[in-house]
Structure formats: structure tokens, C-alpha cells
């Protein structure tokens, strides 16, 4: 529940268009709703400006379906990460306008149209194999009302591909750079732009990549200033942080 919703309820009670009992009924789920398997934090958007996000992996199909069905009654935008198509098929039985973003493995339900930001977030990948993580970041940022521009497959093995797009990339408010292998791309971009960079290491790479650990360490030890790093394959975390920066 957002602050505007609570203000509307309080004003309605004050001017006599809503009874105290009806107001209590609308507020009864604050601060959370206990579904048995899950306690949904209805107070989160009021505190942080962003609603609770559903991490779907390791939840059952039935759990994801019941969580989203309840959240849909609040008329808020819903984001479910690491979701399977089976979960999506179950959700859309009761929420027909739910969307499944295949590459990102995200379910979104848009119940309110957010005004899109004037500034935009640039999302870069080193390679095509990094696109699923990039899409998780991009879709996360978009459901929160951010404009996003994608620049895929511009890694260091063909650095001229990056330079060709630099004029547009430099117009972004914040830049997300996603790379596997040795994770060098954020350092390159960091030496070329004035915007903050959120680096995302991916688990893409051969054995010595250690499922993304080499990219993570490379990014953490970047010699370029202005580069911050999130966890391996954490596109959601990058998209969320980029949204916070873009809306400052």
C-alpha cells in the first residue's frame, strides 16, 4: 500500500464519505498478510517506494500463484523473478493480463501505469550469452517506470562494437554492465563515462571462470572508479539499484 492510498482513506473518513469500519477493513492487512506459507509485506512500498518482489525459484507453483493472486487485489504492479513458464501458466488462469518474459524468467503484472522517466538506464552486455541476466535487469527497471535502452554483445573481444554505441550510452543516467568470462567490460566502460556503473558478473565462461567467480573478482578489483558490483547473475539487484539512482 502506498502513502497516497492511505491519505485517500484518511481524507475519505475525514470528509464523511467513508466510514471508520470501512476504513479499518481496507487497512486490516497492514503491515503484512499471512498466507500460511508466506507473509506478504504490504507495508514495504510505503517504507521504501517499491513493493515486495516475489523470488519464485524454489517456491511451488501453487505458492507463486496464491501470492500473486493476493497481491493483484491490491492493484499494484507485481514482479516475480526466476519464474518458470509453468508458474506463469498457473498465474494467468486468474490474472489474464500477466506477462511472461522468457529470457528474463520474469512474470510481471501491470495493474497501474507508471509514468516513464525522462532519463534512461543503459544496459550493456559483453556477449549474447549474458542477455538473460541483462533482460532480468531491464525488465525489473521497466516495471518500476524507467526507460531502458539495451546495447547487447559489445564486449572486449570486439571493442569497436562498444565504441560505435558510446554516443548513446553516454546519454544514460546510470549504466548497467553485464559480463562473464574475465568480466573486463565494466572497467573499459568506467574509463569512458561519467555516469555510475553497476557491474553484474555472470556465470558464463569455461572452467576457470568458476561459475562467475573470476568475473566477480575482476569487477571488484576494477581500476576504474565509479564501478559498483552486485552478486553473480543478479540482474534483478542491478535493475532495482539502477532504478533508485535514475529516480534520485
Protein backbone atom coordinates (compact mmCIF):
# COMPACT_ATOMS: atom_id res chain seq x y z
CA UNK A 1 0.00 0.00 0.00
CA UNK A 2 1.33 3.41 -1.00
CA UNK A 3 1.17 6.63 1.03
CA UNK A 4 -1.31 8.09 -1.49
CA UNK A 5 -3.71 5.21 -0.80
CA UNK A 6 -3.57 5.74 2.95
CA UNK A 7 -4.02 9.51 2.55
CA UNK A 8 -7.08 8.86 0.39
CA UNK A 9 -8.59 6.59 3.04
CA UNK A 10 -7.92 9.10 5.84
CA UNK A 11 -9.32 12.01 3.82
CA UNK A 12 -12.41 9.97 2.99
CA UNK A 13 -13.01 9.28 6.69
CA UNK A 14 -12.40 12.94 7.49
CA UNK A 15 -14.94 14.24 4.94
CA UNK A 16 -17.50 11.57 5.80
CA UNK A 17 -17.52 9.64 2.51
CA UNK A 18 -16.03 6.53 4.15
CA UNK A 19 -16.99 5.01 7.49
CA UNK A 20 -14.42 4.14 10.15
CA UNK A 21 -15.40 0.46 9.83
CA UNK A 22 -14.87 0.51 6.05
CA UNK A 23 -11.51 2.21 6.51
CA UNK A 24 -10.44 -0.44 9.02
CA UNK A 25 -11.43 -3.12 6.52
CA UNK A 26 -9.14 -1.58 3.89
CA UNK A 27 -6.26 -1.25 6.36
CA UNK A 28 -6.60 -4.64 8.04
CA UNK A 29 -3.75 -6.22 6.01
CA UNK A 30 -1.17 -3.72 7.27
CA UNK A 31 1.64 -4.30 7.86
CA UNK A 32 1.58 -7.83 6.35
CA UNK A 33 -0.75 -10.57 5.16
CA UNK A 34 -0.12 -14.10 6.41
CA UNK A 35 -0.91 -16.67 3.73
CA UNK A 36 0.44 -19.53 5.84
CA UNK A 37 3.42 -20.29 3.62
CA UNK A 38 4.25 -16.61 3.03
CA UNK A 39 3.89 -13.33 4.91
CA UNK A 40 3.42 -10.61 2.29
CA UNK A 41 4.86 -7.25 3.30
CA UNK A 42 2.08 -4.81 2.37
CA UNK A 43 3.94 -2.02 4.16
CA UNK A 44 7.07 -2.18 2.00
CA UNK A 45 6.10 0.29 -0.72
CA UNK A 46 5.05 2.77 1.97
CA UNK A 47 8.52 2.45 3.58
CA UNK A 48 10.77 2.10 0.55
CA UNK A 49 8.85 3.29 -2.51
CA UNK A 50 8.92 -0.21 -4.07
CA UNK A 51 6.52 -3.10 -3.45
CA UNK A 52 7.64 -6.52 -2.30
CA UNK A 53 9.21 -8.60 -5.10
CA UNK A 54 8.50 -12.31 -5.42
CA UNK A 55 11.54 -14.58 -5.73
CA UNK A 56 9.88 -17.58 -7.38
CA UNK A 57 12.73 -20.08 -7.53
CA UNK A 58 12.30 -22.98 -5.04
CA UNK A 59 8.69 -21.97 -4.40
CA UNK A 60 5.95 -24.29 -5.61
CA UNK A 61 3.68 -23.36 -8.48
CA UNK A 62 0.76 -23.18 -6.05
CA UNK A 63 2.65 -20.84 -3.70
CA UNK A 64 3.57 -18.43 -6.50
CA UNK A 65 0.00 -18.49 -7.80
CA UNK A 66 -1.55 -17.71 -4.41
CA UNK A 67 0.96 -14.92 -3.66
CA UNK A 68 0.31 -13.21 -6.99
CA UNK A 69 -3.46 -13.64 -6.71
CA UNK A 70 -3.44 -11.87 -3.35
CA UNK A 71 -1.08 -9.09 -4.49
CA UNK A 72 -3.27 -8.48 -7.54
CA UNK A 73 -6.14 -7.50 -5.22
CA UNK A 74 -4.03 -4.53 -4.09
CA UNK A 75 -3.92 -3.13 -7.65
CA UNK A 76 -0.14 -2.77 -7.58
CA UNK A 77 2.46 -3.77 -10.15
CA UNK A 78 3.82 -7.25 -9.48
CA UNK A 79 7.26 -8.62 -10.30
CA UNK A 80 8.16 -12.29 -9.91
CA UNK A 81 11.78 -13.21 -10.64
CA UNK A 82 13.31 -16.60 -11.54
CA UNK A 83 9.90 -17.88 -12.55
CA UNK A 84 9.19 -20.88 -14.75
CA UNK A 85 6.69 -20.98 -17.59
CA UNK A 86 4.68 -23.49 -15.56
CA UNK A 87 4.33 -20.87 -12.82
CA UNK A 88 3.24 -18.29 -15.38
CA UNK A 89 0.60 -20.58 -16.89
CA UNK A 90 -0.88 -21.09 -13.43
CA UNK A 91 -0.83 -17.36 -12.63
CA UNK A 92 -2.53 -16.25 -15.84
CA UNK A 93 -5.51 -18.50 -15.13
CA UNK A 94 -6.60 -15.99 -12.50
CA UNK A 95 -4.66 -12.93 -13.81
CA UNK A 96 -5.12 -12.97 -17.60
CA UNK A 97 -3.06 -9.79 -18.18
CA UNK A 98 0.05 -11.31 -16.56
CA UNK A 99 3.08 -11.40 -18.88
CA UNK A 100 5.96 -13.86 -19.06
CA UNK A 101 9.36 -12.56 -20.12
CA UNK A 102 11.02 -15.73 -21.37
CA UNK A 103 14.66 -14.67 -21.43
CA UNK A 104 14.46 -12.84 -18.12
CA UNK A 105 12.41 -15.62 -16.47
CA UNK A 106 10.16 -12.94 -15.00
CA UNK A 107 6.40 -12.71 -14.52
CA UNK A 108 5.02 -9.16 -14.48
CA UNK A 109 1.52 -7.92 -13.74
CA UNK A 110 0.98 -4.27 -14.62
CA UNK A 111 -2.01 -3.01 -12.62
CA UNK A 112 -1.02 0.66 -12.70
CA UNK A 113 0.68 2.56 -15.49
CA UNK A 114 3.70 4.33 -14.05
CA UNK A 115 4.89 7.50 -15.72
CA UNK A 116 8.12 6.66 -17.50
CA UNK A 117 11.27 8.55 -16.55
CA UNK A 118 12.68 11.21 -18.86
CA UNK A 119 16.20 9.90 -18.24
CA UNK A 120 17.10 6.34 -19.15
CA UNK A 121 19.15 3.39 -17.95
CA UNK A 122 21.62 1.81 -20.37
CA UNK A 123 22.02 -1.97 -20.14
CA UNK A 124 25.15 -3.40 -21.78
CA UNK A 125 26.26 -6.99 -22.20
CA UNK A 126 29.67 -8.29 -23.15
CA UNK A 127 28.19 -11.20 -25.07
CA UNK A 128 24.94 -12.71 -26.31
CA UNK A 129 25.15 -15.37 -23.60
CA UNK A 130 24.80 -12.64 -20.97
CA UNK A 131 21.44 -11.46 -22.31
CA UNK A 132 19.21 -13.45 -19.89
CA UNK A 133 20.78 -11.62 -16.92
CA UNK A 134 20.54 -8.33 -18.83
CA UNK A 135 16.86 -8.89 -19.53
CA UNK A 136 16.24 -9.57 -15.84
CA UNK A 137 17.82 -6.18 -15.09
CA UNK A 138 15.99 -4.38 -17.90
CA UNK A 139 12.53 -5.78 -17.17
CA UNK A 140 12.97 -5.04 -13.45
CA UNK A 141 13.82 -1.41 -14.21
CA UNK A 142 10.96 -1.08 -16.71
CA UNK A 143 8.22 -2.35 -14.38
CA UNK A 144 9.33 0.37 -11.93
CA UNK A 145 8.72 3.04 -14.57
CA UNK A 146 12.20 3.55 -16.02
CA UNK A 147 13.13 3.98 -19.67
CA UNK A 148 15.74 1.40 -20.66
CA UNK A 149 18.00 1.18 -23.71
CA UNK A 150 19.75 -2.09 -24.50
CA UNK A 151 23.24 -2.44 -26.00
CA UNK A 152 24.00 -6.15 -26.35
CA UNK A 153 27.14 -8.01 -27.42
CA UNK A 154 29.61 -5.12 -27.13
CA UNK A 155 32.37 -6.92 -25.22
CA UNK A 156 36.14 -6.56 -25.25
CA UNK A 157 36.72 -9.25 -27.86
CA UNK A 158 35.40 -6.75 -30.42
CA UNK A 159 35.76 -3.43 -28.63
CA UNK A 160 34.87 -1.45 -31.76
CA UNK A 161 31.25 -2.56 -31.19
CA UNK A 162 31.25 -0.67 -27.88
CA UNK A 163 32.80 2.48 -29.32
CA UNK A 164 30.18 2.62 -32.05
CA UNK A 165 27.47 2.97 -29.35
CA UNK A 166 29.26 5.30 -26.94
CA UNK A 167 27.45 8.46 -28.03
CA UNK A 168 24.12 6.95 -26.97
CA UNK A 169 25.50 5.21 -23.87
CA UNK A 170 26.90 8.49 -22.54
CA UNK A 171 23.38 9.97 -22.51
CA UNK A 172 22.21 7.50 -19.87
CA UNK A 173 21.68 8.47 -16.23
CA UNK A 174 23.14 5.19 -14.96
CA UNK A 175 24.74 2.24 -16.77
CA UNK A 176 24.43 -1.47 -16.04
CA UNK A 177 27.31 -3.51 -17.49
CA UNK A 178 26.96 -7.30 -17.57
CA UNK A 179 29.82 -9.65 -18.39
CA UNK A 180 31.05 -13.19 -17.82
CA UNK A 181 34.42 -14.77 -18.65
CA UNK A 182 37.03 -12.40 -17.12
CA UNK A 183 34.47 -9.62 -16.56
CA UNK A 184 36.57 -6.84 -18.12
CA UNK A 185 33.84 -4.75 -19.77
CA UNK A 186 32.83 -2.63 -16.72
CA UNK A 187 36.42 -1.40 -16.35
CA UNK A 188 36.54 -0.37 -20.01
CA UNK A 189 33.23 1.48 -19.78
CA UNK A 190 34.25 3.01 -16.45
CA UNK A 191 37.16 4.72 -18.12
CA UNK A 192 34.94 6.28 -20.78
CA UNK A 193 31.88 7.70 -18.99
CA UNK A 194 30.94 9.99 -16.10
CA UNK A 195 27.85 8.03 -15.03
CA UNK A 196 27.76 5.50 -12.18
CA UNK A 197 28.18 1.92 -13.34
CA UNK A 198 26.55 -1.14 -11.82
CA UNK A 199 28.56 -4.19 -12.82
CA UNK A 200 26.99 -7.65 -12.94
CA UNK A 201 29.25 -10.71 -13.21
CA UNK A 202 27.64 -13.70 -14.89
CA UNK A 203 28.34 -17.40 -14.61
CA UNK A 204 29.06 -17.53 -18.36
CA UNK A 205 32.52 -18.98 -19.04
CA UNK A 206 34.72 -22.05 -19.09
CA UNK A 207 36.04 -23.93 -16.05
CA UNK A 208 38.48 -21.34 -14.72
CA UNK A 209 35.62 -18.86 -14.66
CA UNK A 210 34.42 -20.79 -11.57
CA UNK A 211 30.73 -20.15 -12.35
CA UNK A 212 31.25 -16.39 -12.38
CA UNK A 213 33.73 -16.05 -9.53
CA UNK A 214 36.55 -14.84 -11.78
CA UNK A 215 34.28 -12.18 -13.30
CA UNK A 216 33.14 -11.13 -9.83
CA UNK A 217 36.70 -10.75 -8.54
CA UNK A 218 37.75 -8.92 -11.70
CA UNK A 219 34.95 -6.41 -11.27
CA UNK A 220 35.59 -5.96 -7.55
CA UNK A 221 39.24 -5.17 -8.29
CA UNK A 222 38.47 -2.84 -11.21
CA UNK A 223 40.93 0.03 -11.58
CA UNK A 224 38.11 2.24 -12.92
CA UNK A 225 36.45 4.47 -10.33
CA UNK A 226 32.67 4.66 -10.20
CA UNK A 227 32.06 0.92 -10.64
CA UNK A 228 29.92 -0.87 -8.05
CA UNK A 229 29.28 -4.62 -8.21
CA UNK A 230 26.29 -6.83 -7.42
CA UNK A 231 26.23 -10.60 -6.98
CA UNK A 232 26.80 -13.15 -9.73
CA UNK A 233 23.85 -13.32 -12.19
CA UNK A 234 21.91 -10.79 -10.07
CA UNK A 235 20.21 -8.85 -12.84
CA UNK A 236 17.32 -8.03 -10.53
CA UNK A 237 19.59 -6.36 -7.98
CA UNK A 238 21.21 -4.26 -10.70
CA UNK A 239 17.87 -3.19 -12.19
CA UNK A 240 16.49 -2.26 -8.76
CA UNK A 241 19.57 -0.20 -7.80
CA UNK A 242 19.66 1.49 -11.21
CA UNK A 243 16.01 2.47 -10.77
CA UNK A 244 16.78 4.06 -7.40
CA UNK A 245 19.66 6.06 -8.92
CA UNK A 246 17.69 7.06 -12.01
CA UNK A 247 14.86 8.45 -9.86
CA UNK A 248 17.00 10.47 -7.44
